[in-house]
Amino acid sequence: MRTASISATIVLALFLACPPLQAESIESLLDQAIAGNHRNAADRARDADRHPRETLLFFGIQADSAVVEIWPSSGWYTAILAPVLRPVGVFYAAGFALTAQRTPQWRKDMQTDLARLMAQQPAIYDHVVTTELDVPERTTIAPPGSIDLVLTFRNVHNWMKGDYAPDMFQVMARALKPGGTLGVVEHRARPGTSIEDMKKTGYVTEDHVIALAAAAGLQLEARSEINANPRDGRDHPAGVWTLPPGFRYCNTITDPAEKERCMAKYAAIGESDRMTLRFRKG
C-alpha cells in the first residue's frame, strides 16, 4: 500500500511539472505545409495569387477533418493538404478517371504524373486515398455521408463546358456529412453574364454557382474576397486562359518582342478575379 501511494505521488508530481503536449494548431500545420521543401518554386510563386492559408482557414479545415479535393490536376493544393491532414485527418484526392470515356488523354497524363509524384514522396503523400471522379461512370469519391469538407478549385467552368455541372454538385453533396462544407473557388464573371459566355470565357457568375449548389441541397453560408483581383477586367482575347500561368493568347504570337510585351501585360494583371464561396449541407 505504501509503495503504491508513493508511486501515485510521484506520477502526480511529474504530471503537474510536465503538462501534456498540445496538438499543433491548424494555422501552424498550414504554415509548415506551405513552406515545405516538397513544393517546387513555381508552385510557391503562385501563393501570392491563390492565398492557400487564408482560403483553407475560411473553408474551416481542421487537422482531423475528412476532406475530399476534387480533380487535384497537377497537385498544387494536394501538396498543402496532404501533410496537413496526414497525422490525424483523412484525405481523398478525387482525380481524373483513367478508364472513363469522357476523360481526354491530357487529363489522364496529368493524373498519371500526379500518382508518380505522390509515389516518389511517401513521407508527404502516403496517407492520401486516391479515387476517380467522372460522371456518369465514376461518382463515388468517398463513402457517402462521411466527409467534413469538399474542396473544388477552378473546376466549375470545365463542368459547364461539358454540360455536367449539376451532376458534379450532386456527387459532392452526396459525399458530405449533414452539416458538412463545400468550398468553391472559381473564376468570377460579371453579374448577368450569359451561360454561353461563361462557357466561352471560363468566368462564371456567383449566382450560377450558388444556384448549382442549391439544386444539390447546399446552402450558401459565407463568401469571401480572399481571392479577388480588381486588376482583372475579365475581357481577354482567350478568356481566363489569357492570364497567367497559361498565357494562352500570348503563346500564339510568333514575334518574340511582341510575345514578351503580351506576357508582361497579362503578368501585371496576375491570375483571375475569383469568387470564394462556402456552402453548408443541411
Foldseek 3Di string as FASTA:
>chain_A
DVVVVVVVVVVVVVCVVDPDDDDDFLLVLLVCLLPDPLDDPVLNVCCVQVVVSVQVVVQPDGLAFAEEEEACQQPSVVSRVQSSNVPHYAYEYAHADLPDPPDDPVRNVSVVNNVVSCVVCCVRRVRYHYHYDDPPPGQARDPFQRGQEYEYEACQLVCLLVVNNLVNLLSVLRRHHAFHKYKYKHFADDPPDDSVVCNQQRHDHPVVVQVSNVVNQKHWDDKDQPNAQPLDPQDDPRHQCCAPPNVPVLVVDDDVVVSVVSNVVRVVSHHGGIIITMITHD
